[in-house]
Protein backbone atom coordinates (compact mmCIF):
# COMPACT_ATOMS: atom_id res chain seq x y z
CA MET A 1 21.36 19.33 -13.99
CA THR A 2 17.70 19.96 -14.85
CA GLU A 3 16.97 21.34 -18.30
CA VAL A 4 13.94 22.79 -20.06
CA ALA A 5 13.90 22.92 -23.84
CA PRO A 6 12.27 25.99 -25.41
CA THR A 7 9.45 25.24 -27.83
CA SER A 8 6.40 26.93 -29.23
CA ASN A 9 3.76 28.21 -26.86
CA GLY A 10 0.90 25.93 -25.97
CA SER A 11 2.76 22.63 -26.44
CA ARG A 12 2.24 19.80 -23.96
CA ARG A 13 4.99 19.35 -21.39
CA VAL A 14 6.60 15.96 -20.83
CA LEU A 15 8.98 15.29 -17.93
CA ILE A 16 11.60 12.59 -18.45
CA VAL A 17 13.17 11.17 -15.27
CA GLU A 18 16.05 9.02 -16.50
CA ASP A 19 19.68 8.65 -15.41
CA ASP A 20 20.93 7.12 -18.69
CA ALA A 21 22.15 10.11 -20.71
CA SER A 22 21.81 8.35 -24.06
CA ILE A 23 18.21 7.35 -23.39
CA MET A 24 17.44 10.87 -22.12
CA LEU A 25 18.92 12.41 -25.28
CA GLY A 26 17.06 10.05 -27.63
CA LEU A 27 13.74 10.67 -25.90
CA ARG A 28 14.31 14.43 -25.80
CA ILE A 29 15.11 14.66 -29.53
CA ASN A 30 12.12 12.57 -30.56
CA LEU A 31 9.64 14.23 -28.20
CA GLU A 32 10.76 17.71 -29.23
CA GLY A 33 10.40 16.57 -32.85
CA GLU A 34 6.76 15.80 -32.02
CA GLY A 35 6.31 19.33 -30.67
CA TYR A 36 6.40 18.59 -26.95
CA GLN A 37 8.17 20.75 -24.41
CA VAL A 38 10.61 18.48 -22.62
CA LEU A 39 11.83 18.71 -19.04
CA GLY A 40 14.50 16.37 -17.74
CA ALA A 41 15.88 15.13 -14.44
CA GLU A 42 18.55 12.49 -13.86
CA ASP A 43 17.53 11.28 -10.39
CA GLY A 44 14.38 10.62 -8.45
CA GLU A 45 14.64 13.55 -6.05
CA LYS A 46 14.98 16.10 -8.85
CA GLY A 47 12.25 14.40 -10.82
CA LEU A 48 9.80 14.57 -7.92
CA ALA A 49 10.69 18.20 -7.28
CA LEU A 50 9.94 19.02 -10.94
CA VAL A 51 6.63 17.18 -10.81
CA ARG A 52 5.64 19.30 -7.83
CA SER A 53 6.86 22.62 -9.22
CA GLU A 54 6.08 22.26 -12.94
CA ASN A 55 2.99 19.99 -12.93
CA PRO A 56 3.82 18.47 -16.36
CA ASP A 57 1.18 16.92 -18.60
CA LEU A 58 2.92 13.53 -18.57
CA VAL A 59 5.87 11.87 -16.84
CA ILE A 60 8.16 9.23 -18.35
CA LEU A 61 9.74 7.59 -15.31
CA ASP A 62 12.65 5.17 -15.11
CA VAL A 63 12.62 2.71 -12.20
CA MET A 64 16.32 2.31 -11.51
CA LEU A 65 17.16 5.85 -10.41
CA PRO A 66 19.63 7.38 -7.93
CA LYS A 67 18.40 8.87 -4.63
CA LEU A 68 14.74 7.87 -5.08
CA ASN A 69 13.77 4.96 -7.30
CA GLY A 70 10.91 5.25 -9.74
CA PHE A 71 8.43 3.35 -7.58
CA GLN A 72 9.10 5.70 -4.67
CA VAL A 73 8.63 8.72 -6.95
CA LEU A 74 5.39 7.30 -8.35
CA GLN A 75 4.07 6.52 -4.89
CA ALA A 76 4.81 10.08 -3.75
CA ILE A 77 3.12 11.54 -6.85
CA ARG A 78 -0.11 9.66 -6.24
CA ARG A 79 0.00 10.10 -2.46
CA GLU A 80 0.08 13.86 -3.00
CA GLY A 81 -2.97 13.75 -5.25
CA LEU A 82 -1.13 14.60 -8.49
CA SER A 83 -3.01 13.09 -11.42
CA MET A 84 -0.88 13.42 -14.57
CA PRO A 85 -0.34 10.13 -16.47
CA VAL A 86 2.95 8.37 -15.69
CA ILE A 87 4.61 5.93 -18.09
CA VAL A 88 7.13 3.72 -16.30
CA LEU A 89 10.29 2.62 -18.14
CA SER A 90 12.20 -0.32 -16.73
CA ALA A 91 14.67 -3.04 -17.58
CA ARG A 92 12.86 -5.09 -14.94
CA THR A 93 10.31 -7.15 -16.85
CA GLY A 94 9.07 -9.47 -14.11
CA GLU A 95 5.33 -9.72 -13.59
CA MET A 96 5.55 -8.46 -10.01
CA ASP A 97 7.43 -5.32 -11.11
CA LYS A 98 4.74 -4.55 -13.70
CA VAL A 99 1.96 -5.23 -11.21
CA THR A 100 3.65 -2.98 -8.63
CA GLY A 101 4.01 -0.12 -11.10
CA LEU A 102 0.40 -0.32 -12.23
CA GLU A 103 -0.93 -0.71 -8.68
CA LEU A 104 1.01 2.38 -7.62
CA GLY A 105 -0.82 4.38 -10.29
CA ALA A 106 1.21 4.16 -13.50
CA GLU A 107 -0.71 4.73 -16.73
CA ASP A 108 1.55 2.32 -18.61
CA TYR A 109 4.65 0.14 -18.11
CA VAL A 110 7.19 -0.11 -20.93
CA ALA A 111 10.08 -2.58 -20.81
CA LYS A 112 13.61 -1.68 -21.89
CA PRO A 113 14.85 -1.93 -24.58
CA PHE A 114 11.86 -0.25 -26.21
CA SER A 115 10.81 1.00 -29.62
CA LEU A 116 10.79 4.80 -29.82
CA ALA A 117 7.85 4.67 -32.24
CA GLU A 118 5.87 2.54 -29.81
CA LEU A 119 6.74 4.73 -26.84
CA LEU A 120 5.69 7.88 -28.72
CA ALA A 121 2.40 6.18 -29.58
CA ARG A 122 1.87 5.36 -25.91
CA VAL A 123 2.64 8.99 -24.97
CA ARG A 124 0.05 10.25 -27.48
CA ALA A 125 -2.52 7.75 -26.20
CA ALA A 126 -1.91 8.68 -22.57
CA LEU A 127 -2.24 12.38 -23.31
CA ARG A 128 -5.49 11.77 -25.24
CA ARG A 129 -6.91 10.03 -22.20
CA GLY A 130 -5.78 13.01 -20.14
CA ARG A 131 -5.26 13.25 -16.45
CA ASN A 132 -6.84 10.77 -14.14
CA VAL A 133 -9.76 12.05 -12.13
CA PRO A 134 -7.98 13.14 -8.97
CA GLU A 135 -9.02 11.50 -5.75
CA VAL A 136 -9.74 13.59 -2.70
CA ARG A 137 -6.40 13.79 -0.99
CA ARG A 138 -6.40 12.31 2.47
CA THR A 139 -4.45 14.41 4.93
CA SER A 140 -5.01 12.11 7.90
CA TYR A 141 -6.19 8.65 8.88
CA GLU A 142 -7.71 7.45 12.12
CA PHE A 143 -8.19 3.94 13.49
CA GLY A 144 -8.86 3.00 17.09
CA ASP A 145 -7.17 5.67 19.19
CA VAL A 146 -4.48 6.23 16.54
CA ARG A 147 -4.26 9.27 14.27
CA VAL A 148 -1.85 9.51 11.31
CA ASP A 149 -1.01 12.93 9.88
CA VAL A 150 0.19 12.26 6.32
CA ALA A 151 1.76 15.63 5.54
CA ALA A 152 3.53 15.99 8.87
CA ARG A 153 4.45 12.27 8.91
CA THR A 154 3.46 12.02 12.56
CA VAL A 155 1.47 9.46 14.52
CA THR A 156 -0.35 9.95 17.80
CA ARG A 157 -2.08 7.42 20.03
CA ALA A 158 -4.69 8.65 22.48
CA GLY A 159 -3.29 12.12 21.80
CA ALA A 160 0.31 11.20 22.71
CA PRO A 161 3.09 11.22 20.08
CA VAL A 162 4.29 7.84 18.87
CA ALA A 163 7.98 7.67 17.88
CA MET A 164 8.21 6.29 14.35
CA THR A 165 11.21 5.71 12.12
CA ALA A 166 10.92 6.78 8.47
CA THR A 167 10.68 3.16 7.36
CA GLU A 168 8.01 2.33 9.95
CA PHE A 169 5.94 5.29 8.77
CA ASP A 170 6.36 4.31 5.09
CA LEU A 171 5.33 0.74 5.86
CA LEU A 172 2.30 1.94 7.81
CA MET A 173 1.22 4.19 4.91
CA CYS A 174 1.78 1.36 2.43
CA LEU A 175 -0.60 -0.87 4.39
CA ILE A 176 -3.15 1.89 5.09
CA GLU A 177 -3.34 2.96 1.41
CA ALA A 178 -4.05 -0.65 0.42
CA ARG A 179 -6.74 -0.88 3.10
CA GLY A 180 -8.61 -4.17 2.88
CA VAL A 181 -6.24 -5.63 0.29
CA ALA A 182 -3.73 -8.33 1.24
CA LEU A 183 -0.19 -7.37 0.22
CA GLY A 184 2.52 -9.95 -0.36
CA ARG A 185 5.95 -9.37 1.13
CA GLU A 186 7.52 -8.85 -2.30
CA ALA A 187 4.99 -6.12 -3.11
CA ILE A 188 5.69 -4.47 0.26
CA PHE A 189 9.45 -4.62 -0.40
CA ALA A 190 8.99 -2.92 -3.79
CA ARG A 191 6.75 -0.17 -2.43
CA VAL A 192 8.63 0.65 0.77
CA TRP A 193 12.26 -0.32 0.19
CA GLY A 194 12.41 -0.19 -3.61
CA PRO A 195 13.06 -2.85 -6.27
CA ASP A 196 16.76 -3.33 -5.39
CA HIS A 197 16.23 -4.31 -1.77
CA HIS A 198 17.56 -7.77 -0.95
CA GLY A 199 16.11 -8.32 2.50
CA THR A 200 14.39 -11.45 3.70
CA GLN A 201 10.77 -12.08 4.62
CA ARG A 202 11.86 -11.70 8.22
CA THR A 203 12.67 -8.02 7.54
CA ILE A 204 9.00 -7.30 6.86
CA ASP A 205 7.89 -9.43 9.81
CA ASN A 206 10.18 -7.54 12.20
CA PHE A 207 8.86 -4.14 11.08
CA VAL A 208 5.27 -5.35 11.36
CA GLN A 209 5.96 -6.50 14.91
CA GLN A 210 7.34 -3.03 15.71
CA LEU A 211 4.22 -1.37 14.29
CA ARG A 212 1.95 -3.68 16.26
CA ALA A 213 3.84 -3.00 19.49
CA LYS A 214 3.35 0.76 18.98
CA LEU A 215 -0.19 0.85 17.60
CA GLU A 216 -2.19 -2.25 18.50
CA PRO A 217 -4.25 -2.47 21.73
CA ASP A 218 -3.01 -6.06 22.04
CA PRO A 219 0.02 -6.76 19.81
CA GLN A 220 -0.44 -10.51 20.27
CA ARG A 221 -3.98 -10.28 18.87
CA PRO A 222 -3.73 -7.53 16.24
CA ARG A 223 -6.90 -5.78 15.09
CA PHE A 224 -5.44 -3.47 12.45
CA VAL A 225 -2.30 -4.99 10.88
CA VAL A 226 -3.39 -8.58 10.40
CA THR A 227 -1.53 -11.56 8.96
CA VAL A 228 -2.87 -13.20 5.81
CA ARG A 229 -1.46 -16.70 5.85
CA GLY A 230 0.49 -17.63 2.75
CA VAL A 231 0.32 -14.07 1.43
CA GLY A 232 1.54 -11.33 3.76
CA TYR A 233 -0.35 -8.59 5.59
CA ARG A 234 -3.58 -6.58 5.36
CA PHE A 235 -4.68 -3.38 7.07
CA ASP A 236 -8.18 -3.61 8.53
CA GLY A 237 -8.47 -0.24 10.26
């Protein structure tokens, strides 16, 4: 259930997306004590819906969430051109998890367990810095004879529709948005499948082969989705 706490007019609004009720309660009490208006959601889908409808001043976002994980929520927020600062909370403290969160557009990454005093200081600092300068939102991409409509999640080639699964489309967007940057398979897993996915490197390779078969002029000699030996893949469209 989504809740909004009443506070004085003009206070900054902070959205907490967290499925641990005790953490949610502790954050709510302390943030309200600082004068913030607090909104809460216990899963990723509700959290993303609140970001879209309420446009909060700051989001505190857990990673391990039901329905949509935090990385998927963060990726959707930035893909849609929303610029509020996002502080990621996670029990996952590995370097790759932190790098993924920051690369996806997080303002900060705080490991659990955390100090409430430190987190409140980070919230104040993020709000002082304000919203990021929003990028011009891309509604479509074109490469070769391929056109990708981001909002409609459709792909055409030479004007003809290309059948794409949801995962194929997400993988394509992951590579396109990192255009020119080589992405390792672990980073691709985190961005497309989420941090709990336990697939093998072959999973990524199989999906890349499917994309090449659908989009490349010559799948055996790819021009757009290229292999970076020892790393992963890079989009050169």
